[in-house]
Amino acid sequence: MEKQMIFAWAMIFCLAMAPVYGQYYSRTVKAGPRVEKITQLHFYYHDIRSGNNPTAFLIASPNITQDPPSYGTLFAMDDPLTTEFELTSTLIGNAQGLYLALSRDLTKFSAVFYADFTFTTGRFNGSSFSLFSRFPPTDVVPAPGTIREMAIVGGTGKFRMATGFALLRPTSSSDTVGDAHVEFNVTFYHY
């Protein structure tokens, strides 16, 4: 019985000490001067939902009779980024993320877009930036020269703490509904 009492008191003692030693460690230091950099990138993004090797997949669709499904559909993507307009040009990275179609009008396309643009070659190899923004309404087949703006909200690697914007210009939309090739001009500030 005495051994059980000693064990019980030892457990109470250990539990009482846990809050004292279990606190998290935190330290605030004054940041030194940082040099803000501006980076401008130009590349092409290829979103392919057709064929035998699509880069974007429909992962959820509302229970409505609409062909093709539009409003409320959710897509996952792993789209290639290239240096030139042709999909066969030099691959420099990929954009992985999600987009949710928002337009009830089948003649327009609008979406909330989240993607992480990761570079796999060149001087930015291993770095990425995050784009999280609403793609403004546009015709399914946009007029030539139509430019849309989206927000850059973060980055990693050489793009750490990136903020800025991306100007998107659809360069073509194939006859297949949903496929798109988009020219990106990105400007962001980072440290």
N, C-alpha and C. Protein backbone atom coordinates (compact mmCIF):
# COMPACT_ATOMS: atom_id res chain seq x y z
N MET A 1 0.82 -1.19 0.00
CA MET A 1 0.00 0.00 0.00
C MET A 1 0.87 1.26 0.00
N GLU A 2 1.97 1.19 0.80
CA GLU A 2 2.86 2.33 0.88
C GLU A 2 3.48 2.63 -0.49
N LYS A 3 3.84 1.59 -1.23
CA LYS A 3 4.43 1.77 -2.57
C LYS A 3 3.42 2.44 -3.51
N GLN A 4 2.16 2.06 -3.38
CA GLN A 4 1.12 2.67 -4.23
C GLN A 4 0.95 4.14 -3.89
N MET A 5 1.02 4.49 -2.62
CA MET A 5 0.89 5.90 -2.20
C MET A 5 2.08 6.72 -2.71
N ILE A 6 3.27 6.14 -2.64
CA ILE A 6 4.46 6.85 -3.14
C ILE A 6 4.33 7.06 -4.64
N PHE A 7 3.88 6.02 -5.33
CA PHE A 7 3.68 6.14 -6.78
C PHE A 7 2.63 7.21 -7.11
N ALA A 8 1.52 7.25 -6.37
CA ALA A 8 0.46 8.24 -6.60
C ALA A 8 0.98 9.65 -6.38
N TRP A 9 1.75 9.86 -5.27
CA TRP A 9 2.30 11.18 -5.00
C TRP A 9 3.33 11.58 -6.07
N ALA A 10 4.10 10.63 -6.53
CA ALA A 10 5.08 10.91 -7.59
C ALA A 10 4.37 11.34 -8.87
N MET A 11 3.26 10.68 -9.20
CA MET A 11 2.48 11.04 -10.40
C MET A 11 1.88 12.44 -10.26
N ILE A 12 1.34 12.75 -9.10
CA ILE A 12 0.77 14.09 -8.86
C ILE A 12 1.87 15.14 -8.98
N PHE A 13 3.04 14.86 -8.41
CA PHE A 13 4.16 15.79 -8.50
C PHE A 13 4.57 16.03 -9.96
N CYS A 14 4.66 14.95 -10.74
CA CYS A 14 5.04 15.07 -12.16
C CYS A 14 4.00 15.85 -12.94
N LEU A 15 2.74 15.60 -12.70
CA LEU A 15 1.68 16.31 -13.41
C LEU A 15 1.64 17.78 -13.03
N ALA A 16 1.98 18.09 -11.78
CA ALA A 16 2.00 19.48 -11.33
C ALA A 16 3.16 20.24 -11.97
N MET A 17 4.25 19.56 -12.25
CA MET A 17 5.41 20.22 -12.86
C MET A 17 5.25 20.43 -14.35
N ALA A 18 4.42 19.66 -15.02
CA ALA A 18 4.29 19.74 -16.48
C ALA A 18 3.94 21.14 -16.96
N PRO A 19 3.00 21.86 -16.35
CA PRO A 19 2.71 23.21 -16.84
C PRO A 19 3.90 24.15 -16.72
N VAL A 20 4.75 23.95 -15.71
CA VAL A 20 5.90 24.82 -15.53
C VAL A 20 6.91 24.62 -16.64
N TYR A 21 7.21 23.36 -16.98
CA TYR A 21 8.23 23.06 -17.99
C TYR A 21 7.64 22.85 -19.38
N GLY A 22 6.33 22.81 -19.50
CA GLY A 22 5.70 22.52 -20.78
C GLY A 22 5.36 23.74 -21.60
N GLN A 23 5.75 24.93 -21.17
CA GLN A 23 5.43 26.14 -21.92
C GLN A 23 6.28 26.20 -23.18
N TYR A 24 5.73 26.80 -24.22
CA TYR A 24 6.47 26.92 -25.47
C TYR A 24 7.53 28.00 -25.36
N TYR A 25 8.50 27.90 -26.22
CA TYR A 25 9.59 28.86 -26.24
C TYR A 25 9.30 29.91 -27.30
N SER A 26 9.49 31.15 -26.95
CA SER A 26 9.26 32.24 -27.89
C SER A 26 10.28 33.32 -27.64
N ARG A 27 10.74 33.91 -28.73
CA ARG A 27 11.69 35.01 -28.62
C ARG A 27 11.43 35.96 -29.77
N THR A 28 11.37 37.24 -29.48
CA THR A 28 11.18 38.25 -30.50
C THR A 28 12.49 39.02 -30.65
N VAL A 29 12.95 39.13 -31.88
CA VAL A 29 14.18 39.87 -32.14
C VAL A 29 13.87 40.97 -33.14
N LYS A 30 14.60 42.03 -33.05
CA LYS A 30 14.41 43.14 -33.99
C LYS A 30 15.06 42.76 -35.32
N ALA A 31 14.29 42.84 -36.39
CA ALA A 31 14.79 42.49 -37.71
C ALA A 31 15.73 43.58 -38.22
N GLY A 32 16.77 43.13 -38.86
CA GLY A 32 17.69 44.07 -39.48
C GLY A 32 17.13 44.57 -40.80
N PRO A 33 17.81 45.45 -41.45
CA PRO A 33 17.32 45.95 -42.73
C PRO A 33 17.29 44.83 -43.78
N ARG A 34 16.21 44.80 -44.53
CA ARG A 34 16.07 43.79 -45.58
C ARG A 34 16.09 44.49 -46.93
N VAL A 35 16.62 43.81 -47.90
CA VAL A 35 16.66 44.35 -49.24
C VAL A 35 15.52 43.72 -50.04
N GLU A 36 14.58 44.55 -50.42
CA GLU A 36 13.45 44.05 -51.19
C GLU A 36 13.85 43.93 -52.66
N LYS A 37 13.47 42.82 -53.27
CA LYS A 37 13.81 42.57 -54.67
C LYS A 37 12.53 42.57 -55.51
N ILE A 38 12.67 42.90 -56.76
CA ILE A 38 11.56 42.78 -57.71
C ILE A 38 11.96 41.73 -58.72
N THR A 39 11.07 40.79 -58.97
CA THR A 39 11.31 39.77 -59.98
C THR A 39 10.16 39.81 -60.97
N GLN A 40 10.50 39.75 -62.24
CA GLN A 40 9.50 39.67 -63.30
C GLN A 40 9.73 38.39 -64.08
N LEU A 41 8.67 37.62 -64.25
CA LEU A 41 8.75 36.35 -64.96
C LEU A 41 7.79 36.35 -66.14
N HIS A 42 8.16 35.62 -67.16
CA HIS A 42 7.30 35.44 -68.33
C HIS A 42 7.33 33.97 -68.71
N PHE A 43 6.16 33.35 -68.77
CA PHE A 43 6.07 31.94 -69.13
C PHE A 43 4.67 31.63 -69.63
N TYR A 44 4.47 30.39 -70.07
CA TYR A 44 3.16 29.94 -70.57
C TYR A 44 2.66 28.79 -69.71
N TYR A 45 1.37 28.82 -69.47
CA TYR A 45 0.66 27.86 -68.62
C TYR A 45 -0.30 27.09 -69.51
N HIS A 46 -0.34 25.76 -69.36
CA HIS A 46 -1.18 24.92 -70.23
C HIS A 46 -2.13 24.10 -69.37
N ASP A 47 -3.41 24.42 -69.44
CA ASP A 47 -4.45 23.72 -68.68
C ASP A 47 -5.20 22.83 -69.66
N ILE A 48 -5.00 21.52 -69.56
CA ILE A 48 -5.56 20.58 -70.53
C ILE A 48 -6.51 19.63 -69.82
N ARG A 49 -7.79 19.70 -70.20
CA ARG A 49 -8.79 18.83 -69.59
C ARG A 49 -9.28 17.75 -70.54
N SER A 50 -8.74 17.69 -71.73
CA SER A 50 -9.20 16.72 -72.73
C SER A 50 -8.08 15.73 -73.06
N GLY A 51 -8.42 14.73 -73.85
CA GLY A 51 -7.43 13.78 -74.34
C GLY A 51 -7.07 12.70 -73.36
N ASN A 52 -6.01 11.95 -73.72
CA ASN A 52 -5.58 10.82 -72.91
C ASN A 52 -4.67 11.21 -71.75
N ASN A 53 -4.12 12.42 -71.79
CA ASN A 53 -3.18 12.84 -70.76
C ASN A 53 -3.56 14.22 -70.22
N PRO A 54 -4.74 14.35 -69.60
CA PRO A 54 -5.15 15.68 -69.09
C PRO A 54 -4.29 16.11 -67.91
N THR A 55 -4.18 17.43 -67.75
CA THR A 55 -3.42 17.98 -66.63
C THR A 55 -4.35 18.56 -65.57
N ALA A 56 -5.65 18.63 -65.86
CA ALA A 56 -6.64 19.10 -64.89
C ALA A 56 -7.82 18.13 -64.89
N PHE A 57 -8.31 17.81 -63.70
CA PHE A 57 -9.39 16.84 -63.54
C PHE A 57 -10.55 17.44 -62.78
N LEU A 58 -11.74 17.10 -63.20
CA LEU A 58 -12.94 17.44 -62.46
C LEU A 58 -12.98 16.53 -61.23
N ILE A 59 -13.02 17.13 -60.03
CA ILE A 59 -13.05 16.29 -58.83
C ILE A 59 -14.38 16.40 -58.08
N ALA A 60 -15.19 17.43 -58.38
CA ALA A 60 -16.51 17.55 -57.76
C ALA A 60 -17.39 18.39 -58.66
N SER A 61 -18.65 18.01 -58.74
CA SER A 61 -19.60 18.74 -59.57
C SER A 61 -20.95 18.76 -58.87
N PRO A 62 -21.68 19.88 -58.99
CA PRO A 62 -22.99 19.92 -58.34
C PRO A 62 -23.97 18.99 -59.05
N ASN A 63 -25.01 18.64 -58.37
CA ASN A 63 -26.03 17.75 -58.91
C ASN A 63 -27.05 18.55 -59.72
N ILE A 64 -26.62 19.01 -60.89
CA ILE A 64 -27.51 19.76 -61.80
C ILE A 64 -27.36 19.18 -63.19
N THR A 65 -28.33 19.45 -64.03
CA THR A 65 -28.24 18.96 -65.41
C THR A 65 -27.74 20.09 -66.29
N GLN A 66 -26.47 20.16 -66.43
CA GLN A 66 -25.83 21.20 -67.22
C GLN A 66 -24.69 20.54 -67.98
N ASP A 67 -24.66 20.70 -69.29
CA ASP A 67 -23.61 20.08 -70.08
C ASP A 67 -22.95 21.13 -70.94
N PRO A 68 -21.70 21.46 -70.78
CA PRO A 68 -20.79 20.88 -69.81
C PRO A 68 -21.04 21.48 -68.43
N PRO A 69 -20.69 20.75 -67.38
CA PRO A 69 -20.90 21.30 -66.04
C PRO A 69 -20.03 22.54 -65.86
N SER A 70 -20.58 23.55 -65.24
CA SER A 70 -19.84 24.78 -65.06
C SER A 70 -19.92 25.27 -63.63
N TYR A 71 -21.01 25.91 -63.27
CA TYR A 71 -21.16 26.54 -61.98
C TYR A 71 -21.00 25.54 -60.83
N GLY A 72 -20.07 25.81 -59.94
CA GLY A 72 -19.87 24.97 -58.77
C GLY A 72 -18.96 23.78 -58.97
N THR A 73 -18.33 23.64 -60.12
CA THR A 73 -17.44 22.50 -60.34
C THR A 73 -16.05 22.81 -59.79
N LEU A 74 -15.41 21.80 -59.24
CA LEU A 74 -14.09 21.94 -58.64
C LEU A 74 -13.09 21.09 -59.42
N PHE A 75 -11.98 21.69 -59.80
CA PHE A 75 -10.95 21.02 -60.58
C PHE A 75 -9.64 20.99 -59.80
N ALA A 76 -8.91 19.89 -59.93
CA ALA A 76 -7.54 19.79 -59.43
C ALA A 76 -6.62 19.83 -60.65
N MET A 77 -5.47 20.48 -60.49
CA MET A 77 -4.59 20.62 -61.66
C MET A 77 -3.13 20.38 -61.30
N ASP A 78 -2.42 19.94 -62.31
CA ASP A 78 -0.97 19.82 -62.28
C ASP A 78 -0.53 20.20 -63.69
N ASP A 79 -0.54 21.51 -63.96
CA ASP A 79 -0.36 22.04 -65.32
C ASP A 79 1.10 22.40 -65.59
N PRO A 80 1.59 22.07 -66.79
CA PRO A 80 2.97 22.41 -67.13
C PRO A 80 3.15 23.91 -67.41
N LEU A 81 4.34 24.40 -67.10
CA LEU A 81 4.76 25.76 -67.41
C LEU A 81 5.91 25.66 -68.39
N THR A 82 5.83 26.41 -69.48
CA THR A 82 6.85 26.34 -70.53
C THR A 82 7.38 27.73 -70.86
N THR A 83 8.52 27.77 -71.54
CA THR A 83 9.13 29.04 -71.92
C THR A 83 8.47 29.67 -73.14
N GLU A 84 7.87 28.87 -73.98
CA GLU A 84 7.24 29.35 -75.21
C GLU A 84 5.79 28.88 -75.27
N PHE A 85 5.07 29.38 -76.26
CA PHE A 85 3.66 29.07 -76.43
C PHE A 85 3.39 27.58 -76.64
N GLU A 86 4.27 26.91 -77.37
CA GLU A 86 4.06 25.50 -77.69
C GLU A 86 4.25 24.64 -76.44
N LEU A 87 3.36 23.69 -76.26
CA LEU A 87 3.44 22.78 -75.12
C LEU A 87 4.72 21.95 -75.16
N THR A 88 5.28 21.77 -76.35
CA THR A 88 6.50 20.98 -76.51
C THR A 88 7.77 21.79 -76.24
N SER A 89 7.65 23.09 -75.94
CA SER A 89 8.83 23.90 -75.65
C SER A 89 9.39 23.53 -74.27
N THR A 90 10.48 24.17 -73.87
CA THR A 90 11.18 23.83 -72.64
C THR A 90 10.27 23.92 -71.42
N LEU A 91 10.19 22.82 -70.69
CA LEU A 91 9.40 22.75 -69.46
C LEU A 91 10.21 23.37 -68.33
N ILE A 92 9.64 24.36 -67.63
CA ILE A 92 10.37 25.03 -66.55
C ILE A 92 9.77 24.77 -65.17
N GLY A 93 8.58 24.17 -65.13
CA GLY A 93 7.96 23.89 -63.84
C GLY A 93 6.52 23.46 -64.02
N ASN A 94 5.76 23.56 -62.94
CA ASN A 94 4.35 23.22 -63.02
C ASN A 94 3.55 24.04 -62.02
N ALA A 95 2.25 24.13 -62.28
CA ALA A 95 1.32 24.81 -61.39
C ALA A 95 0.38 23.75 -60.83
N GLN A 96 0.40 23.59 -59.53
CA GLN A 96 -0.47 22.61 -58.89
C GLN A 96 -1.43 23.34 -57.99
N GLY A 97 -2.70 22.95 -58.07
CA GLY A 97 -3.68 23.61 -57.22
C GLY A 97 -5.10 23.22 -57.57
N LEU A 98 -6.00 24.14 -57.26
CA LEU A 98 -7.44 23.94 -57.45
C LEU A 98 -8.06 25.18 -58.05
N TYR A 99 -9.15 24.99 -58.79
CA TYR A 99 -9.99 26.12 -59.14
C TYR A 99 -11.44 25.70 -59.14
N LEU A 100 -12.28 26.63 -58.70
CA LEU A 100 -13.71 26.41 -58.54
C LEU A 100 -14.44 27.35 -59.48
N ALA A 101 -15.19 26.77 -60.44
CA ALA A 101 -15.94 27.57 -61.40
C ALA A 101 -17.10 28.29 -60.70
N LEU A 102 -17.28 29.59 -61.00
CA LEU A 102 -18.27 30.40 -60.31
C LEU A 102 -19.40 30.93 -61.18
N SER A 103 -19.25 30.91 -62.47
CA SER A 103 -20.23 31.55 -63.34
C SER A 103 -21.41 30.65 -63.67
N ARG A 104 -22.62 31.17 -63.47
CA ARG A 104 -23.83 30.43 -63.86
C ARG A 104 -24.10 30.58 -65.35
N ASP A 105 -23.52 31.61 -65.96
CA ASP A 105 -23.69 31.87 -67.38
C ASP A 105 -22.68 31.01 -68.15
N LEU A 106 -23.18 30.10 -69.00
CA LEU A 106 -22.28 29.19 -69.73
C LEU A 106 -21.40 29.90 -70.75
N THR A 107 -21.73 31.14 -71.11
CA THR A 107 -20.90 31.87 -72.08
C THR A 107 -19.74 32.60 -71.40
N LYS A 108 -19.71 32.59 -70.08
CA LYS A 108 -18.64 33.26 -69.32
C LYS A 108 -17.89 32.24 -68.49
N PHE A 109 -16.65 32.55 -68.16
CA PHE A 109 -15.87 31.73 -67.25
C PHE A 109 -15.36 32.62 -66.13
N SER A 110 -15.59 32.22 -64.90
CA SER A 110 -15.07 32.90 -63.73
C SER A 110 -14.76 31.82 -62.70
N ALA A 111 -13.72 32.04 -61.91
CA ALA A 111 -13.33 31.01 -60.94
C ALA A 111 -12.54 31.61 -59.80
N VAL A 112 -12.54 30.92 -58.67
CA VAL A 112 -11.59 31.19 -57.60
C VAL A 112 -10.45 30.22 -57.85
N PHE A 113 -9.25 30.74 -57.84
CA PHE A 113 -8.09 30.01 -58.32
C PHE A 113 -7.03 29.98 -57.23
N TYR A 114 -6.56 28.80 -56.87
CA TYR A 114 -5.40 28.68 -55.98
C TYR A 114 -4.40 27.76 -56.66
N ALA A 115 -3.17 28.23 -56.80
CA ALA A 115 -2.13 27.39 -57.39
C ALA A 115 -0.78 27.77 -56.82
N ASP A 116 0.08 26.78 -56.72
CA ASP A 116 1.46 26.97 -56.34
C ASP A 116 2.29 26.74 -57.60
N PHE A 117 2.98 27.76 -58.06
CA PHE A 117 3.79 27.70 -59.27
C PHE A 117 5.22 27.37 -58.86
N THR A 118 5.64 26.15 -59.16
CA THR A 118 6.95 25.65 -58.74
C THR A 118 7.87 25.55 -59.95
N PHE A 119 9.09 26.03 -59.80
CA PHE A 119 10.06 25.98 -60.89
C PHE A 119 11.03 24.83 -60.64
N THR A 120 11.28 24.05 -61.69
CA THR A 120 12.09 22.83 -61.57
C THR A 120 13.40 22.91 -62.34
N THR A 121 13.66 24.03 -63.00
CA THR A 121 14.92 24.21 -63.73
C THR A 121 15.37 25.66 -63.61
N GLY A 122 16.59 25.91 -64.03
CA GLY A 122 17.10 27.28 -64.10
C GLY A 122 17.45 27.86 -62.75
N ARG A 123 17.65 29.17 -62.71
CA ARG A 123 18.12 29.83 -61.49
C ARG A 123 17.08 29.86 -60.38
N PHE A 124 15.80 29.60 -60.69
CA PHE A 124 14.76 29.56 -59.68
C PHE A 124 14.35 28.14 -59.31
N ASN A 125 15.18 27.15 -59.68
CA ASN A 125 14.89 25.75 -59.39
C ASN A 125 14.62 25.56 -57.90
N GLY A 126 13.49 24.94 -57.57
CA GLY A 126 13.12 24.69 -56.18
C GLY A 126 12.34 25.81 -55.53
N SER A 127 12.20 26.94 -56.20
CA SER A 127 11.45 28.07 -55.65
C SER A 127 10.02 28.04 -56.19
N SER A 128 9.12 28.65 -55.45
CA SER A 128 7.73 28.70 -55.90
C SER A 128 7.07 29.97 -55.42
N PHE A 129 5.96 30.33 -56.06
CA PHE A 129 5.11 31.41 -55.58
C PHE A 129 3.67 30.93 -55.62
N SER A 130 2.86 31.51 -54.74
CA SER A 130 1.46 31.11 -54.63
C SER A 130 0.55 32.19 -55.18
N LEU A 131 -0.38 31.76 -55.98
CA LEU A 131 -1.38 32.65 -56.56
C LEU A 131 -2.73 32.25 -55.97
N PHE A 132 -3.42 33.19 -55.38
CA PHE A 132 -4.74 32.92 -54.79
C PHE A 132 -5.61 34.12 -55.08
N SER A 133 -6.53 33.96 -56.03
CA SER A 133 -7.29 35.10 -56.47
C SER A 133 -8.52 34.64 -57.24
N ARG A 134 -9.36 35.58 -57.53
CA ARG A 134 -10.53 35.32 -58.38
C ARG A 134 -10.16 35.63 -59.81
N PHE A 135 -10.44 34.68 -60.69
CA PHE A 135 -10.27 34.92 -62.12
C PHE A 135 -11.52 35.66 -62.58
N PRO A 136 -11.41 36.92 -62.99
CA PRO A 136 -12.60 37.71 -63.31
C PRO A 136 -13.38 37.11 -64.49
N PRO A 137 -14.68 37.38 -64.55
CA PRO A 137 -15.49 36.83 -65.64
C PRO A 137 -14.94 37.22 -67.01
N THR A 138 -14.91 36.25 -67.89
CA THR A 138 -14.48 36.48 -69.26
C THR A 138 -15.28 35.55 -70.16
N ASP A 139 -15.37 35.89 -71.43
CA ASP A 139 -16.04 35.01 -72.38
C ASP A 139 -15.29 33.69 -72.43
N VAL A 140 -16.02 32.59 -72.67
CA VAL A 140 -15.38 31.28 -72.77
C VAL A 140 -14.30 31.32 -73.83
N VAL A 141 -14.56 31.99 -74.94
CA VAL A 141 -13.54 32.25 -75.96
C VAL A 141 -13.27 33.75 -75.91
N PRO A 142 -12.25 34.17 -75.11
CA PRO A 142 -12.02 35.60 -74.90
C PRO A 142 -11.54 36.31 -76.15
N ALA A 143 -11.80 37.61 -76.19
CA ALA A 143 -11.33 38.43 -77.31
C ALA A 143 -9.81 38.47 -77.28
N PRO A 144 -9.17 38.52 -78.46
CA PRO A 144 -7.71 38.59 -78.50
C PRO A 144 -7.20 39.79 -77.70
N GLY A 145 -6.13 39.58 -76.96
CA GLY A 145 -5.53 40.66 -76.18
C GLY A 145 -6.17 40.88 -74.81
N THR A 146 -7.19 40.11 -74.46
CA THR A 146 -7.82 40.26 -73.15
C THR A 146 -6.82 39.93 -72.05
N ILE A 147 -6.67 40.83 -71.10
CA ILE A 147 -5.71 40.62 -70.02
C ILE A 147 -6.46 40.62 -68.69
N ARG A 148 -6.15 39.65 -67.85
CA ARG A 148 -6.74 39.52 -66.52
C ARG A 148 -5.63 39.62 -65.49
N GLU A 149 -5.98 40.13 -64.30
CA GLU A 149 -4.99 40.29 -63.23
C GLU A 149 -5.38 39.44 -62.04
N MET A 150 -4.37 38.78 -61.46
CA MET A 150 -4.59 37.94 -60.28
C MET A 150 -3.49 38.23 -59.26
N ALA A 151 -3.75 37.90 -57.98
CA ALA A 151 -2.86 38.26 -56.88
C ALA A 151 -1.87 37.16 -56.53
N ILE A 152 -0.62 37.57 -56.28
CA ILE A 152 0.42 36.70 -55.74
C ILE A 152 0.42 36.92 -54.23
N VAL A 153 0.31 35.85 -53.46
CA VAL A 153 0.15 35.99 -52.01
C VAL A 153 1.27 35.38 -51.17
N GLY A 154 2.27 34.80 -51.79
CA GLY A 154 3.36 34.22 -51.00
C GLY A 154 4.35 33.50 -51.88
N GLY A 155 5.43 33.03 -51.27
CA GLY A 155 6.43 32.31 -52.02
C GLY A 155 7.41 31.59 -51.12
N THR A 156 8.21 30.73 -51.72
CA THR A 156 9.24 29.99 -51.01
C THR A 156 10.54 30.05 -51.78
N GLY A 157 11.62 29.64 -51.14
CA GLY A 157 12.93 29.64 -51.81
C GLY A 157 13.36 31.06 -52.14
N LYS A 158 13.73 31.29 -53.38
CA LYS A 158 14.17 32.62 -53.80
C LYS A 158 13.02 33.62 -53.86
N PHE A 159 11.78 33.14 -53.73
CA PHE A 159 10.61 34.02 -53.77
C PHE A 159 9.98 34.17 -52.38
N ARG A 160 10.74 33.94 -51.33
CA ARG A 160 10.22 33.99 -49.97
C ARG A 160 9.51 35.32 -49.71
N MET A 161 8.33 35.24 -49.12
CA MET A 161 7.49 36.39 -48.75
C MET A 161 7.06 37.21 -49.95
N ALA A 162 6.82 36.58 -51.07
CA ALA A 162 6.44 37.29 -52.29
C ALA A 162 5.03 37.87 -52.20
N THR A 163 4.87 39.06 -52.73
CA THR A 163 3.57 39.68 -52.96
C THR A 163 3.64 40.36 -54.31
N GLY A 164 2.55 40.39 -55.01
CA GLY A 164 2.56 41.03 -56.32
C GLY A 164 1.34 40.65 -57.13
N PHE A 165 1.53 40.61 -58.46
CA PHE A 165 0.41 40.35 -59.35
C PHE A 165 0.86 39.58 -60.57
N ALA A 166 -0.09 38.90 -61.19
CA ALA A 166 0.16 38.19 -62.44
C ALA A 166 -0.83 38.72 -63.47
N LEU A 167 -0.34 39.08 -64.63
CA LEU A 167 -1.18 39.47 -65.75
C LEU A 167 -1.29 38.27 -66.68
N LEU A 168 -2.52 37.84 -66.93
CA LEU A 168 -2.78 36.65 -67.74
C LEU A 168 -3.41 37.06 -69.06
N ARG A 169 -2.89 36.47 -70.13
CA ARG A 169 -3.47 36.71 -71.45
C ARG A 169 -3.66 35.36 -72.13
N PRO A 170 -4.93 34.95 -72.30
CA PRO A 170 -5.16 33.69 -73.02
C PRO A 170 -4.58 33.80 -74.42
N THR A 171 -3.75 32.82 -74.80
CA THR A 171 -3.13 32.86 -76.12
C THR A 171 -3.91 32.02 -77.11
N SER A 172 -4.61 31.02 -76.61
CA SER A 172 -5.49 30.24 -77.48
C SER A 172 -6.37 29.38 -76.61
N SER A 173 -7.46 29.02 -77.15
CA SER A 173 -8.32 28.06 -76.51
C SER A 173 -8.67 27.07 -77.60
N SER A 174 -8.33 25.83 -77.40
CA SER A 174 -8.55 24.84 -78.45
C SER A 174 -10.03 24.62 -78.68
N ASP A 175 -10.35 23.89 -79.71
CA ASP A 175 -11.75 23.57 -79.98
C ASP A 175 -12.35 22.71 -78.89
N THR A 176 -11.52 22.08 -78.11
CA THR A 176 -11.99 21.23 -77.02
C THR A 176 -12.37 22.13 -75.84
N VAL A 177 -13.59 22.00 -75.36
CA VAL A 177 -14.07 22.83 -74.26
C VAL A 177 -13.21 22.57 -73.02
N GLY A 178 -12.73 23.65 -72.42
CA GLY A 178 -11.98 23.54 -71.17
C GLY A 178 -10.48 23.64 -71.31
N ASP A 179 -9.89 23.32 -72.47
CA ASP A 179 -8.45 23.44 -72.63
C ASP A 179 -8.08 24.91 -72.79
N ALA A 180 -6.98 25.32 -72.17
CA ALA A 180 -6.55 26.72 -72.27
C ALA A 180 -5.03 26.80 -72.22
N HIS A 181 -4.50 27.75 -72.96
CA HIS A 181 -3.09 28.07 -72.96
C HIS A 181 -3.01 29.55 -72.64
N VAL A 182 -2.28 29.90 -71.57
CA VAL A 182 -2.30 31.27 -71.06
C VAL A 182 -0.88 31.79 -70.91
N GLU A 183 -0.67 33.01 -71.39
CA GLU A 183 0.61 33.69 -71.21
C GLU A 183 0.60 34.40 -69.86
N PHE A 184 1.63 34.20 -69.05
CA PHE A 184 1.74 34.81 -67.73
C PHE A 184 2.87 35.84 -67.74
N ASN A 185 2.60 37.04 -67.27
CA ASN A 185 3.60 38.04 -66.97
C ASN A 185 3.45 38.35 -65.48
N VAL A 186 4.43 37.93 -64.70
CA VAL A 186 4.33 38.01 -63.24
C VAL A 186 5.32 39.05 -62.73
N THR A 187 4.85 39.89 -61.82
CA THR A 187 5.72 40.85 -61.14
C THR A 187 5.48 40.71 -59.65
N PHE A 188 6.54 40.46 -58.89
CA PHE A 188 6.36 40.40 -57.44
C PHE A 188 7.59 40.92 -56.71
N TYR A 189 7.31 41.31 -55.48
CA TYR A 189 8.32 41.82 -54.56
C TYR A 189 8.59 40.72 -53.54
N HIS A 190 9.84 40.54 -53.20
CA HIS A 190 10.21 39.52 -52.24
C HIS A 190 11.55 39.86 -51.62
N TYR A 191 11.97 39.05 -50.65
CA TYR A 191 13.23 39.29 -49.94
C TYR A 191 14.21 38.18 -50.22
